[in-house]
Amino acid sequence: MSKNETTNPKEVRNQNHEAKKMNTSKNLKKKKDKDLPWWVELLFVQIGLPDKLLIKILKAQKTSKEFIKNEKKLIIIFLFVITTLAYFYPVIKHSKNKLECEAIAKNYIIKNKNIIGINNRELKMISTNFCNGGEEIYEIENLKN
């Protein structure tokens, strides 16, 4: 090999650098030629909303993406807690309604029925039975009779 045929590493680096510059300029042109999102086209081009609103929306979108990127663990924990509460809410509501029904039935039995000889545990049993569809409450004699 002669000295003329050898390649200079600096020349190769410069050529690679120039090629990268050309690629980035092509990428910039592609980004500029990219179509607008449909919602921007609709709201700001067709309807004519003010550009200040678009700027605020884009800033909020950027900050929300950054927040989601930085706080993934916190967001997952929050969603887990919300899902757990939503899952157990019907059970808690059913239990609350059942306890209220038992209290109302117990008060009704005390006020309107002859409960001589019935202790507190039996009273609770009868009120629970009534709330679950039982009819033992009607077998107790009325005070009026």
Protein backbone atom coordinates (compact mmCIF):
# COMPACT_ATOMS: atom_id res chain seq x y z
CA MET A 1 0.00 0.00 0.00
CA SER A 2 1.24 3.43 -0.77
CA LYS A 3 0.89 6.51 1.36
CA ASN A 4 -1.72 7.93 -1.02
CA GLU A 5 -4.01 4.92 -0.59
CA THR A 6 -4.09 4.93 3.21
CA THR A 7 -7.07 6.59 4.84
CA ASN A 8 -6.82 9.25 7.43
CA PRO A 9 -9.00 8.49 10.51
CA LYS A 10 -9.76 12.20 10.92
CA GLU A 11 -11.21 12.34 7.41
CA VAL A 12 -13.42 9.32 8.17
CA ARG A 13 -14.67 10.98 11.36
CA ASN A 14 -15.44 14.21 9.51
CA GLN A 15 -17.37 12.31 6.84
CA ASN A 16 -19.37 10.46 9.50
CA HIS A 17 -20.05 13.73 11.28
CA GLU A 18 -21.25 15.38 8.06
CA ALA A 19 -23.49 12.39 7.36
CA LYS A 20 -25.01 12.68 10.83
CA LYS A 21 -25.65 16.39 10.26
CA MET A 22 -27.48 15.58 7.07
CA ASN A 23 -29.56 12.94 8.81
CA THR A 24 -30.56 15.37 11.56
CA SER A 25 -31.61 17.99 9.02
CA LYS A 26 -33.75 15.36 7.29
CA ASN A 27 -35.30 14.43 10.66
CA LEU A 28 -36.08 18.07 11.36
CA LYS A 29 -37.83 18.40 8.01
CA LYS A 30 -39.84 15.26 8.78
CA LYS A 31 -40.89 16.73 12.13
CA LYS A 32 -41.90 20.01 10.50
CA ASP A 33 -43.90 18.25 7.80
CA LYS A 34 -45.72 16.11 10.37
CA ASP A 35 -49.52 16.56 10.42
CA LEU A 36 -51.21 18.25 13.35
CA PRO A 37 -53.08 16.04 15.84
CA TRP A 38 -56.80 15.82 15.11
CA TRP A 39 -57.80 17.73 18.26
CA VAL A 40 -55.49 20.65 17.41
CA GLU A 41 -56.83 20.70 13.88
CA LEU A 42 -60.42 20.69 15.11
CA LEU A 43 -60.21 23.11 18.05
CA PHE A 44 -57.60 25.60 16.97
CA VAL A 45 -57.72 25.55 13.16
CA GLN A 46 -61.36 24.84 12.36
CA ILE A 47 -63.11 26.40 15.38
CA GLY A 48 -60.49 29.08 15.98
CA LEU A 49 -59.76 28.91 19.70
CA PRO A 50 -56.99 31.25 20.90
CA ASP A 51 -53.36 30.13 20.65
CA LYS A 52 -52.74 30.94 24.32
CA LEU A 53 -55.05 28.10 25.23
CA LEU A 54 -53.07 25.71 23.02
CA ILE A 55 -49.84 26.78 24.74
CA LYS A 56 -51.37 26.15 28.17
CA ILE A 57 -52.68 22.74 27.09
CA LEU A 58 -49.31 21.69 25.69
CA LYS A 59 -47.49 22.85 28.85
CA ALA A 60 -49.94 20.92 31.03
CA GLN A 61 -49.51 17.86 28.84
CA LYS A 62 -45.72 18.09 29.13
CA THR A 63 -45.77 18.50 32.92
CA SER A 64 -48.23 15.63 33.33
CA LYS A 65 -46.02 13.34 31.24
CA GLU A 66 -43.01 14.30 33.35
CA PHE A 67 -44.99 13.72 36.57
CA ILE A 68 -46.11 10.29 35.39
CA LYS A 69 -42.57 9.42 34.37
CA ASN A 70 -41.09 10.52 37.71
CA GLU A 71 -43.83 9.27 40.07
CA LYS A 72 -44.78 5.86 38.67
CA LYS A 73 -44.56 4.11 42.04
CA LEU A 74 -46.77 6.68 43.76
CA ILE A 75 -49.37 6.50 40.98
CA ILE A 76 -49.46 2.69 41.11
CA ILE A 77 -49.93 2.74 44.89
CA PHE A 78 -52.72 5.33 44.56
CA LEU A 79 -54.52 3.26 41.90
CA PHE A 80 -54.15 0.13 44.06
CA VAL A 81 -55.72 1.89 47.07
CA ILE A 82 -58.61 3.26 44.97
CA THR A 83 -59.23 -0.18 43.44
CA THR A 84 -59.21 -1.82 46.87
CA LEU A 85 -61.70 0.69 48.24
CA ALA A 86 -63.95 0.29 45.21
CA TYR A 87 -63.82 -3.49 45.62
CA PHE A 88 -64.77 -3.50 49.31
CA TYR A 89 -67.33 -0.65 49.21
CA PRO A 90 -70.35 -2.88 48.38
CA VAL A 91 -69.50 -5.23 51.25
CA ILE A 92 -69.20 -2.34 53.69
CA LYS A 93 -72.45 -0.78 52.45
CA HIS A 94 -74.32 -4.08 52.78
CA SER A 95 -73.06 -4.56 56.34
CA LYS A 96 -74.05 -1.02 57.29
CA ASN A 97 -77.56 -1.45 55.87
CA LYS A 98 -77.94 -4.78 57.66
CA LEU A 99 -76.94 -3.27 61.03
CA GLU A 100 -79.37 -0.37 60.52
CA CYS A 101 -82.17 -2.82 59.67
CA GLU A 102 -81.46 -4.85 62.79
CA ALA A 103 -81.51 -1.73 64.98
CA ILE A 104 -84.84 -0.58 63.49
CA ALA A 105 -86.38 -4.07 63.87
CA LYS A 106 -85.15 -4.28 67.49
CA ASN A 107 -86.72 -0.90 68.31
CA TYR A 108 -89.96 -1.96 66.63
CA ILE A 109 -90.09 -5.18 68.66
CA ILE A 110 -89.41 -3.34 71.92
CA LYS A 111 -92.11 -0.71 71.26
CA ASN A 112 -94.88 -2.78 69.71
CA LYS A 113 -94.58 -6.38 70.90
CA ASN A 114 -94.88 -8.14 74.25
CA ILE A 115 -91.30 -9.08 75.00
CA ILE A 116 -91.63 -10.40 78.55
CA GLY A 117 -89.39 -13.44 78.82
CA ILE A 118 -87.20 -12.54 75.82
CA ASN A 119 -83.60 -11.71 76.65
CA ASN A 120 -81.33 -9.39 74.65
CA ARG A 121 -79.70 -12.20 72.63
CA GLU A 122 -83.06 -13.58 71.55
CA LEU A 123 -84.20 -10.07 70.65
CA LYS A 124 -81.15 -9.65 68.44
CA MET A 125 -81.77 -13.06 66.86
CA ILE A 126 -85.38 -12.19 66.06
CA SER A 127 -84.45 -8.80 64.58
CA THR A 128 -81.72 -10.44 62.44
CA ASN A 129 -84.19 -13.07 61.30
CA PHE A 130 -86.69 -10.38 60.33
CA CYS A 131 -84.08 -8.46 58.31
CA ASN A 132 -83.17 -11.65 56.45
CA GLY A 133 -86.79 -12.28 55.45
CA GLY A 134 -88.02 -14.28 58.44
CA GLU A 135 -91.48 -13.90 59.92
CA GLU A 136 -90.89 -14.76 63.58
CA ILE A 137 -91.61 -11.17 64.53
CA TYR A 138 -95.27 -11.71 63.64
CA GLU A 139 -95.54 -14.67 66.01
CA ILE A 140 -94.89 -12.51 69.07
CA GLU A 141 -98.12 -11.31 70.64
CA ASN A 142 -99.03 -7.69 70.14
CA LEU A 143 -99.31 -5.43 73.19
CA LYS A 144 -102.82 -4.47 72.15
CA ASN A 145 -104.15 -8.07 72.37
